[in-house]
Amino acid sequence: MSLFYRLILAHMIADFPLQTKQIFNIKMNTKWGVLLHSSIVLLFSILLSFPYLENSRVILIIIIVFVTHTIIDKIKLDYSKKTSNQGIKIFLIDQFLHISIIAALTINFTKTYLITSPFSNTLLNYLIDVYNNDILIIYMIGYIASVFFIPILLIYIKEEDVSNVNLKKSPKQKALNIKIPANKMIDKIYRLILTISTQYLAEQYVIIIFIIFAITNLISYQLSSGKTESIYNLKSILNSSLAIFIGEMLKFV
């Protein structure tokens, strides 16, 4: 098991799917609400790296990740409140710092720990094999990247472009607030299946599946009456492309 991958997954789970609107509001509106968020990072770091906890160095790494995550997010929030700046640069710097710290802390860590069970139970042994599987961890990182990280990044870029146009017209107007886009559960499941199936299906079958889905959404896009519905259909096509791309890149990993 790779400690690096597991800590990256813990970070991504806490920063994206589990950073709900409620948690984000607590972070923004309370002095140390960021501790709630960083505690989720700590919890998943422990859960995903449980066999490693017999190593005192790993305990220290997890504590450092927790402390630095708290400090970075606190500085980012204070800066955003003072400057009303929630742009793409802040978002990317934040992610770069978190991932770089994890990489630096685990760069020379080569020991592998596996969870084991003294019981001979088929279901339990299967669950343990799943837990010990680094490929599944990488799949989950790719899934979160395709469903949350990349679409949010694109929203930042789009909102920043719109904001820049508006600022030229009215210099006193503040930048638009960035809202995390809602993702329908069926689309999340679809993209997860698409990302995973890319590992096992021949490219031509993956392309056929995507083309069928794209045509369906393009028809819906042409027939849609509202702007929101049109944008949603285009995002579905884009996110599906990203899911395939992530899946193909994970093949090489």
C-alpha atoms as a PDB file:
ATOM      1  CA  MET A   1       0.000   0.000   0.000  1.00  0.00           C
ATOM      2  CA  SER A   2       1.266   3.457  -0.885  1.00  0.00           C
ATOM      3  CA  LEU A   3       1.031   5.983   1.942  1.00  0.00           C
ATOM      4  CA  PHE A   4       1.248   8.851  -0.570  1.00  0.00           C
ATOM      5  CA  TYR A   5      -1.829   7.739  -2.548  1.00  0.00           C
ATOM      6  CA  ARG A   6      -3.816   7.157   0.637  1.00  0.00           C
ATOM      7  CA  LEU A   7      -3.094  10.585   2.073  1.00  0.00           C
ATOM      8  CA  ILE A   8      -3.885  12.202  -1.290  1.00  0.00           C
ATOM      9  CA  LEU A   9      -7.233  10.384  -1.361  1.00  0.00           C
ATOM     10  CA  ALA A  10      -7.971  11.490   2.224  1.00  0.00           C
ATOM     11  CA  HIS A  11      -7.219  15.084   1.213  1.00  0.00           C
ATOM     12  CA  MET A  12      -9.407  14.912  -1.909  1.00  0.00           C
ATOM     13  CA  ILE A  13     -12.348  13.285  -0.086  1.00  0.00           C
ATOM     14  CA  ALA A  14     -12.294  16.037   2.539  1.00  0.00           C
ATOM     15  CA  ASP A  15     -11.717  18.898   0.084  1.00  0.00           C
ATOM     16  CA  PHE A  16     -14.363  17.939  -2.469  1.00  0.00           C
ATOM     17  CA  PRO A  17     -17.256  15.489  -1.862  1.00  0.00           C
ATOM     18  CA  LEU A  18     -17.269  16.026   1.928  1.00  0.00           C
ATOM     19  CA  GLN A  19     -16.776  19.785   1.824  1.00  0.00           C
ATOM     20  CA  THR A  20     -20.503  20.352   1.711  1.00  0.00           C
ATOM     21  CA  LYS A  21     -22.272  23.692   1.625  1.00  0.00           C
ATOM     22  CA  GLN A  22     -22.898  23.455   5.371  1.00  0.00           C
ATOM     23  CA  ILE A  23     -19.242  22.762   6.187  1.00  0.00           C
ATOM     24  CA  PHE A  24     -18.139  25.545   3.845  1.00  0.00           C
ATOM     25  CA  ASN A  25     -20.490  27.998   5.584  1.00  0.00           C
ATOM     26  CA  ILE A  26     -19.102  27.002   8.987  1.00  0.00           C
ATOM     27  CA  LYS A  27     -15.572  27.579   7.652  1.00  0.00           C
ATOM     28  CA  MET A  28     -16.493  30.998   6.339  1.00  0.00           C
ATOM     29  CA  ASN A  29     -18.654  32.251   9.201  1.00  0.00           C
ATOM     30  CA  THR A  30     -16.851  31.030  12.336  1.00  0.00           C
ATOM     31  CA  LYS A  31     -13.395  31.951  13.543  1.00  0.00           C
ATOM     32  CA  TRP A  32     -11.978  28.436  13.645  1.00  0.00           C
ATOM     33  CA  GLY A  33     -14.584  26.595  11.585  1.00  0.00           C
ATOM     34  CA  VAL A  34     -11.714  25.415   9.401  1.00  0.00           C
ATOM     35  CA  LEU A  35     -10.891  22.906  12.167  1.00  0.00           C
ATOM     36  CA  LEU A  36     -14.052  20.969  11.318  1.00  0.00           C
ATOM     37  CA  HIS A  37     -12.867  20.599   7.744  1.00  0.00           C
ATOM     38  CA  SER A  38      -9.272  19.702   8.625  1.00  0.00           C
ATOM     39  CA  SER A  39     -10.572  17.185  11.192  1.00  0.00           C
ATOM     40  CA  ILE A  40     -12.256  15.361   8.308  1.00  0.00           C
ATOM     41  CA  VAL A  41      -8.858  15.272   6.575  1.00  0.00           C
ATOM     42  CA  LEU A  42      -7.373  13.840   9.774  1.00  0.00           C
ATOM     43  CA  LEU A  43     -10.138  11.237  10.145  1.00  0.00           C
ATOM     44  CA  PHE A  44      -9.795   9.891   6.608  1.00  0.00           C
ATOM     45  CA  SER A  45      -6.000   9.991   6.792  1.00  0.00           C
ATOM     46  CA  ILE A  46      -6.241   7.682   9.811  1.00  0.00           C
ATOM     47  CA  LEU A  47      -8.892   5.416   8.279  1.00  0.00           C
ATOM     48  CA  LEU A  48      -7.072   4.986   4.976  1.00  0.00           C
ATOM     49  CA  SER A  49      -3.626   4.565   6.590  1.00  0.00           C
ATOM     50  CA  PHE A  50      -4.667   2.490   9.591  1.00  0.00           C
ATOM     51  CA  PRO A  51      -2.064  -0.326   9.171  1.00  0.00           C
ATOM     52  CA  TYR A  52       0.705   2.289   9.041  1.00  0.00           C
ATOM     53  CA  LEU A  53      -0.094   3.666  12.484  1.00  0.00           C
ATOM     54  CA  GLU A  54       2.293   1.221  14.140  1.00  0.00           C
ATOM     55  CA  ASN A  55       5.046   3.361  12.623  1.00  0.00           C
ATOM     56  CA  SER A  56       5.672   6.505  14.717  1.00  0.00           C
ATOM     57  CA  ARG A  57       6.890   8.386  11.636  1.00  0.00           C
ATOM     58  CA  VAL A  58       3.507   7.919   9.959  1.00  0.00           C
ATOM     59  CA  ILE A  59       1.721   9.273  13.026  1.00  0.00           C
ATOM     60  CA  LEU A  60       3.948  12.346  12.841  1.00  0.00           C
ATOM     61  CA  ILE A  61       3.263  12.701   9.080  1.00  0.00           C
ATOM     62  CA  ILE A  62      -0.497  12.580   9.623  1.00  0.00           C
ATOM     63  CA  ILE A  63      -0.287  15.172  12.402  1.00  0.00           C
ATOM     64  CA  ILE A  64       1.802  17.478  10.190  1.00  0.00           C
ATOM     65  CA  VAL A  65      -0.686  17.065   7.321  1.00  0.00           C
ATOM     66  CA  PHE A  66      -3.529  17.974   9.694  1.00  0.00           C
ATOM     67  CA  VAL A  67      -1.755  21.027  11.136  1.00  0.00           C
ATOM     68  CA  THR A  68      -0.535  22.364   7.769  1.00  0.00           C
ATOM     69  CA  HIS A  69      -3.936  21.800   6.165  1.00  0.00           C
ATOM     70  CA  THR A  70      -5.540  23.819   8.961  1.00  0.00           C
ATOM     71  CA  ILE A  71      -3.003  26.649   8.674  1.00  0.00           C
ATOM     72  CA  ILE A  72      -3.150  26.853   4.858  1.00  0.00           C
ATOM     73  CA  ASP A  73      -6.955  26.891   4.787  1.00  0.00           C
ATOM     74  CA  LYS A  74      -7.116  29.457   7.600  1.00  0.00           C
ATOM     75  CA  ILE A  75      -4.730  31.791   5.757  1.00  0.00           C
ATOM     76  CA  LYS A  76      -6.639  31.266   2.501  1.00  0.00           C
ATOM     77  CA  LEU A  77      -9.997  32.062   4.114  1.00  0.00           C
ATOM     78  CA  ASP A  78      -8.708  35.159   5.903  1.00  0.00           C
ATOM     79  CA  TYR A  79      -7.142  36.412   2.672  1.00  0.00           C
ATOM     80  CA  SER A  80     -10.330  35.730   0.686  1.00  0.00           C
ATOM     81  CA  LYS A  81     -12.448  37.613   3.217  1.00  0.00           C
ATOM     82  CA  LYS A  82     -10.163  40.648   3.208  1.00  0.00           C
ATOM     83  CA  THR A  83      -9.739  40.871  -0.555  1.00  0.00           C
ATOM     84  CA  SER A  84     -12.989  39.255  -1.770  1.00  0.00           C
ATOM     85  CA  ASN A  85     -10.703  37.116  -3.912  1.00  0.00           C
ATOM     86  CA  GLN A  86     -11.755  33.519  -4.530  1.00  0.00           C
ATOM     87  CA  GLY A  87     -10.159  33.188  -7.940  1.00  0.00           C
ATOM     88  CA  ILE A  88      -8.515  30.307  -9.704  1.00  0.00           C
ATOM     89  CA  LYS A  89      -5.007  31.277  -8.558  1.00  0.00           C
ATOM     90  CA  ILE A  90      -5.961  30.947  -4.888  1.00  0.00           C
ATOM     91  CA  PHE A  91      -7.674  27.632  -5.600  1.00  0.00           C
ATOM     92  CA  LEU A  92      -4.649  26.201  -7.440  1.00  0.00           C
ATOM     93  CA  ILE A  93      -2.108  27.473  -4.899  1.00  0.00           C
ATOM     94  CA  ASP A  94      -4.163  25.916  -2.105  1.00  0.00           C
ATOM     95  CA  GLN A  95      -4.262  22.510  -3.826  1.00  0.00           C
ATOM     96  CA  PHE A  96      -0.589  22.717  -4.812  1.00  0.00           C
ATOM     97  CA  LEU A  97       0.500  23.375  -1.234  1.00  0.00           C
ATOM     98  CA  HIS A  98      -1.563  20.542   0.239  1.00  0.00           C
ATOM     99  CA  ILE A  99      -0.364  17.975  -2.314  1.00  0.00           C
ATOM    100  CA  SER A 100       3.258  19.181  -2.197  1.00  0.00           C
ATOM    101  CA  ILE A 101       3.379  18.802   1.579  1.00  0.00           C
ATOM    102  CA  ILE A 102       2.061  15.231   1.371  1.00  0.00           C
ATOM    103  CA  ALA A 103       4.571  14.429  -1.385  1.00  0.00           C
ATOM    104  CA  ALA A 104       7.476  15.923   0.582  1.00  0.00           C
ATOM    105  CA  LEU A 105       6.546  14.031   3.750  1.00  0.00           C
ATOM    106  CA  THR A 106       6.233  10.661   2.003  1.00  0.00           C
ATOM    107  CA  ILE A 107       8.917  10.931  -0.691  1.00  0.00           C
ATOM    108  CA  ASN A 108      11.390   8.592   1.052  1.00  0.00           C
ATOM    109  CA  PHE A 109       8.797   6.403   2.734  1.00  0.00           C
ATOM    110  CA  THR A 110       9.086   2.976   1.096  1.00  0.00           C
ATOM    111  CA  LYS A 111       7.736   0.664   3.801  1.00  0.00           C
ATOM    112  CA  THR A 112       4.530  -1.189   3.054  1.00  0.00           C
ATOM    113  CA  TYR A 113       1.981  -2.228   5.640  1.00  0.00           C
ATOM    114  CA  LEU A 114      -1.018  -4.451   4.944  1.00  0.00           C
ATOM    115  CA  ILE A 115      -4.048  -5.008   7.095  1.00  0.00           C
ATOM    116  CA  THR A 116      -4.572  -8.695   7.925  1.00  0.00           C
ATOM    117  CA  SER A 117      -7.192 -10.766   9.698  1.00  0.00           C
ATOM    118  CA  PRO A 118      -6.748 -13.823  11.942  1.00  0.00           C
ATOM    119  CA  PHE A 119     -10.163 -15.091  10.850  1.00  0.00           C
ATOM    120  CA  SER A 120     -10.833 -17.277   7.822  1.00  0.00           C
ATOM    121  CA  ASN A 121     -13.887 -15.559   6.444  1.00  0.00           C
ATOM    122  CA  THR A 122     -14.408 -15.153   2.710  1.00  0.00           C
ATOM    123  CA  LEU A 123     -16.281 -11.853   2.895  1.00  0.00           C
ATOM    124  CA  LEU A 124     -13.877 -10.375   5.464  1.00  0.00           C
ATOM    125  CA  ASN A 125     -10.843 -11.448   3.434  1.00  0.00           C
ATOM    126  CA  TYR A 126     -12.377  -9.897   0.327  1.00  0.00           C
ATOM    127  CA  LEU A 127     -12.975  -6.594   2.119  1.00  0.00           C
ATOM    128  CA  ILE A 128      -9.389  -6.657   3.400  1.00  0.00           C
ATOM    129  CA  ASP A 129      -8.099  -7.261  -0.137  1.00  0.00           C
ATOM    130  CA  VAL A 130     -10.148  -4.292  -1.339  1.00  0.00           C
ATOM    131  CA  TYR A 131      -8.762  -2.112   1.446  1.00  0.00           C
ATOM    132  CA  ASN A 132      -5.171  -3.132   0.647  1.00  0.00           C
ATOM    133  CA  ASN A 133      -5.607  -2.501  -3.085  1.00  0.00           C
ATOM    134  CA  ASP A 134      -3.660   0.566  -4.253  1.00  0.00           C
ATOM    135  CA  ILE A 135      -5.269   0.407  -7.706  1.00  0.00           C
ATOM    136  CA  LEU A 136      -8.677   1.018  -6.133  1.00  0.00           C
ATOM    137  CA  ILE A 137      -7.215   4.001  -4.266  1.00  0.00           C
ATOM    138  CA  ILE A 138      -5.949   5.412  -7.575  1.00  0.00           C
ATOM    139  CA  TYR A 139      -9.354   4.799  -9.168  1.00  0.00           C
ATOM    140  CA  MET A 140     -11.006   6.801  -6.407  1.00  0.00           C
ATOM    141  CA  ILE A 141      -8.520   9.653  -6.840  1.00  0.00           C
ATOM    142  CA  GLY A 142      -9.273   9.669 -10.578  1.00  0.00           C
ATOM    143  CA  TYR A 143     -13.010   9.564  -9.945  1.00  0.00           C
ATOM    144  CA  ILE A 144     -12.953  12.525  -7.555  1.00  0.00           C
ATOM    145  CA  ALA A 145     -10.730  14.427  -9.994  1.00  0.00           C
ATOM    146  CA  SER A 146     -13.144  13.808 -12.890  1.00  0.00           C
ATOM    147  CA  VAL A 147     -16.352  14.505 -10.949  1.00  0.00           C
ATOM    148  CA  PHE A 148     -15.295  17.340  -8.639  1.00  0.00           C
ATOM    149  CA  PHE A 149     -11.827  18.833  -9.130  1.00  0.00           C
ATOM    150  CA  ILE A 150     -11.768  19.419 -12.898  1.00  0.00           C
ATOM    151  CA  PRO A 151     -15.389  20.665 -13.212  1.00  0.00           C
ATOM    152  CA  ILE A 152     -14.832  23.049 -10.277  1.00  0.00           C
ATOM    153  CA  LEU A 153     -11.630  24.252 -11.930  1.00  0.00           C
ATOM    154  CA  LEU A 154     -13.542  24.939 -15.148  1.00  0.00           C
ATOM    155  CA  ILE A 155     -16.221  26.823 -13.204  1.00  0.00           C
ATOM    156  CA  TYR A 156     -13.516  29.011 -11.652  1.00  0.00           C
ATOM    157  CA  ILE A 157     -12.121  29.756 -15.102  1.00  0.00           C
ATOM    158  CA  LYS A 158     -15.570  30.557 -16.511  1.00  0.00           C
ATOM    159  CA  GLU A 159     -16.577  32.738 -13.559  1.00  0.00           C
ATOM    160  CA  GLU A 160     -13.261  34.570 -13.713  1.00  0.00           C
ATOM    161  CA  ASP A 161     -13.768  35.325 -17.415  1.00  0.00           C
ATOM    162  CA  VAL A 162     -17.287  36.643 -16.750  1.00  0.00           C
ATOM    163  CA  SER A 163     -16.017  38.662 -13.807  1.00  0.00           C
ATOM    164  CA  ASN A 164     -13.248  40.234 -15.883  1.00  0.00           C
ATOM    165  CA  VAL A 165     -15.747  41.318 -18.537  1.00  0.00           C
ATOM    166  CA  ASN A 166     -18.030  42.857 -15.904  1.00  0.00           C
ATOM    167  CA  LEU A 167     -15.131  44.606 -14.179  1.00  0.00           C
ATOM    168  CA  LYS A 168     -14.192  46.309 -17.441  1.00  0.00           C
ATOM    169  CA  LYS A 169     -17.707  47.701 -17.686  1.00  0.00           C
ATOM    170  CA  SER A 170     -17.899  48.657 -14.005  1.00  0.00           C
ATOM    171  CA  PRO A 171     -14.571  48.972 -12.131  1.00  0.00           C
ATOM    172  CA  LYS A 172     -16.324  49.190  -8.739  1.00  0.00           C
ATOM    173  CA  GLN A 173     -18.127  45.869  -9.210  1.00  0.00           C
ATOM    174  CA  LYS A 174     -16.720  43.018  -7.130  1.00  0.00           C
ATOM    175  CA  ALA A 175     -15.769  39.627  -8.518  1.00  0.00           C
ATOM    176  CA  LEU A 176     -18.517  37.044  -8.654  1.00  0.00           C
ATOM    177  CA  ASN A 177     -18.732  34.512  -5.862  1.00  0.00           C
ATOM    178  CA  ILE A 178     -17.735  31.026  -6.953  1.00  0.00           C
ATOM    179  CA  LYS A 179     -20.351  28.371  -6.352  1.00  0.00           C
ATOM    180  CA  ILE A 180     -19.482  24.699  -6.413  1.00  0.00           C
ATOM    181  CA  PRO A 181     -21.555  23.111  -9.196  1.00  0.00           C
ATOM    182  CA  ALA A 182     -24.187  20.557  -8.229  1.00  0.00           C
ATOM    183  CA  ASN A 183     -23.692  17.096  -9.709  1.00  0.00           C
ATOM    184  CA  LYS A 184     -26.581  14.701 -10.192  1.00  0.00           C
ATOM    185  CA  MET A 185     -25.978  11.336  -8.511  1.00  0.00           C
ATOM    186  CA  ILE A 186     -26.735   9.390 -11.681  1.00  0.00           C
ATOM    187  CA  ASP A 187     -24.007  11.327 -13.506  1.00  0.00           C
ATOM    188  CA  LYS A 188     -21.530  10.633 -10.720  1.00  0.00           C
ATOM    189  CA  ILE A 189     -22.251   6.903 -10.914  1.00  0.00           C
ATOM    190  CA  TYR A 190     -22.045   7.001 -14.711  1.00  0.00           C
ATOM    191  CA  ARG A 191     -18.651   8.728 -14.678  1.00  0.00           C
ATOM    192  CA  LEU A 192     -17.333   6.344 -12.031  1.00  0.00           C
ATOM    193  CA  ILE A 193     -18.356   3.356 -14.194  1.00  0.00           C
ATOM    194  CA  LEU A 194     -16.886   5.056 -17.252  1.00  0.00           C
ATOM    195  CA  THR A 195     -13.560   5.746 -15.509  1.00  0.00           C
ATOM    196  CA  ILE A 196     -13.257   2.188 -14.180  1.00  0.00           C
ATOM    197  CA  SER A 197     -14.492   0.450 -17.349  1.00  0.00           C
ATOM    198  CA  THR A 198     -11.877   2.315 -19.366  1.00  0.00           C
ATOM    199  CA  GLN A 199      -9.281   0.163 -17.611  1.00  0.00           C
ATOM    200  CA  TYR A 200     -10.755  -3.086 -18.925  1.00  0.00           C
ATOM    201  CA  LEU A 201     -12.617  -2.341 -22.155  1.00  0.00           C
ATOM    202  CA  ALA A 202     -10.968  -1.905 -25.504  1.00  0.00           C
ATOM    203  CA  GLU A 203     -10.831   1.722 -26.593  1.00  0.00           C
ATOM    204  CA  GLN A 204     -13.384   1.255 -29.366  1.00  0.00           C
ATOM    205  CA  TYR A 205     -16.057   0.091 -26.897  1.00  0.00           C
ATOM    206  CA  VAL A 206     -15.383   2.995 -24.553  1.00  0.00           C
ATOM    207  CA  ILE A 207     -15.659   5.410 -27.479  1.00  0.00           C
ATOM    208  CA  ILE A 208     -18.973   3.839 -28.577  1.00  0.00           C
ATOM    209  CA  ILE A 209     -20.400   4.212 -25.057  1.00  0.00           C
ATOM    210  CA  PHE A 210     -19.292   7.827 -24.902  1.00  0.00           C
ATOM    211  CA  ILE A 211     -20.637   8.660 -28.381  1.00  0.00           C
ATOM    212  CA  ILE A 212     -24.078   7.277 -27.473  1.00  0.00           C
ATOM    213  CA  PHE A 213     -24.113   9.340 -24.281  1.00  0.00           C
ATOM    214  CA  ALA A 214     -22.848  12.451 -26.078  1.00  0.00           C
ATOM    215  CA  ILE A 215     -25.486  12.180 -28.826  1.00  0.00           C
ATOM    216  CA  THR A 216     -28.212  11.770 -26.202  1.00  0.00           C
ATOM    217  CA  ASN A 217     -27.052  14.902 -24.398  1.00  0.00           C
ATOM    218  CA  LEU A 218     -26.624  16.864 -27.619  1.00  0.00           C
ATOM    219  CA  ILE A 219     -30.233  16.063 -28.561  1.00  0.00           C
ATOM    220  CA  SER A 220     -31.321  17.163 -25.079  1.00  0.00           C
ATOM    221  CA  TYR A 221     -29.218  20.305 -25.481  1.00  0.00           C
ATOM    222  CA  GLN A 222     -30.906  21.192 -28.789  1.00  0.00           C
ATOM    223  CA  LEU A 223     -34.366  20.604 -27.323  1.00  0.00           C
ATOM    224  CA  SER A 224     -33.742  22.309 -23.990  1.00  0.00           C
ATOM    225  CA  SER A 225     -35.674  25.494 -23.427  1.00  0.00           C
ATOM    226  CA  GLY A 226     -33.754  27.025 -20.547  1.00  0.00           C
ATOM    227  CA  LYS A 227     -30.176  28.244 -20.343  1.00  0.00           C
ATOM    228  CA  THR A 228     -29.493  26.265 -17.150  1.00  0.00           C
ATOM    229  CA  GLU A 229     -30.631  23.028 -18.741  1.00  0.00           C
ATOM    230  CA  SER A 230     -28.479  23.689 -21.821  1.00  0.00           C
ATOM    231  CA  ILE A 231     -25.386  24.321 -19.736  1.00  0.00           C
ATOM    232  CA  TYR A 232     -26.078  21.183 -17.708  1.00  0.00           C
ATOM    233  CA  ASN A 233     -26.193  19.010 -20.849  1.00  0.00           C
ATOM    234  CA  LEU A 234     -22.940  20.473 -22.156  1.00  0.00           C
ATOM    235  CA  LYS A 235     -21.279  19.913 -18.784  1.00  0.00           C
ATOM    236  CA  SER A 236     -22.396  16.273 -18.870  1.00  0.00           C
ATOM    237  CA  ILE A 237     -20.612  15.768 -22.185  1.00  0.00           C
ATOM    238  CA  LEU A 238     -17.496  17.549 -20.945  1.00  0.00           C
ATOM    239  CA  ASN A 239     -17.413  15.634 -17.662  1.00  0.00           C
ATOM    240  CA  SER A 240     -17.799  12.327 -19.510  1.00  0.00           C
ATOM    241  CA  SER A 241     -14.831  13.235 -21.703  1.00  0.00           C
ATOM    242  CA  LEU A 242     -12.809  13.984 -18.595  1.00  0.00           C
ATOM    243  CA  ALA A 243     -13.838  10.674 -17.009  1.00  0.00           C
ATOM    244  CA  ILE A 244     -12.566   8.779 -20.073  1.00  0.00           C
ATOM    245  CA  PHE A 245      -9.362  10.809 -20.126  1.00  0.00           C
ATOM    246  CA  ILE A 246      -8.717  10.131 -16.425  1.00  0.00           C
ATOM    247  CA  GLY A 247      -9.401   6.435 -16.985  1.00  0.00           C
ATOM    248  CA  GLU A 248      -6.968   6.245 -19.893  1.00  0.00           C
ATOM    249  CA  MET A 249      -4.269   8.039 -17.890  1.00  0.00           C
ATOM    250  CA  LEU A 250      -4.777   5.650 -14.969  1.00  0.00           C
ATOM    251  CA  LYS A 251      -4.068   2.749 -17.333  1.00  0.00           C
ATOM    252  CA  PHE A 252      -0.492   3.931 -17.586  1.00  0.00           C
ATOM    253  CA  VAL A 253      -0.244   4.267 -13.812  1.00  0.00           C
END
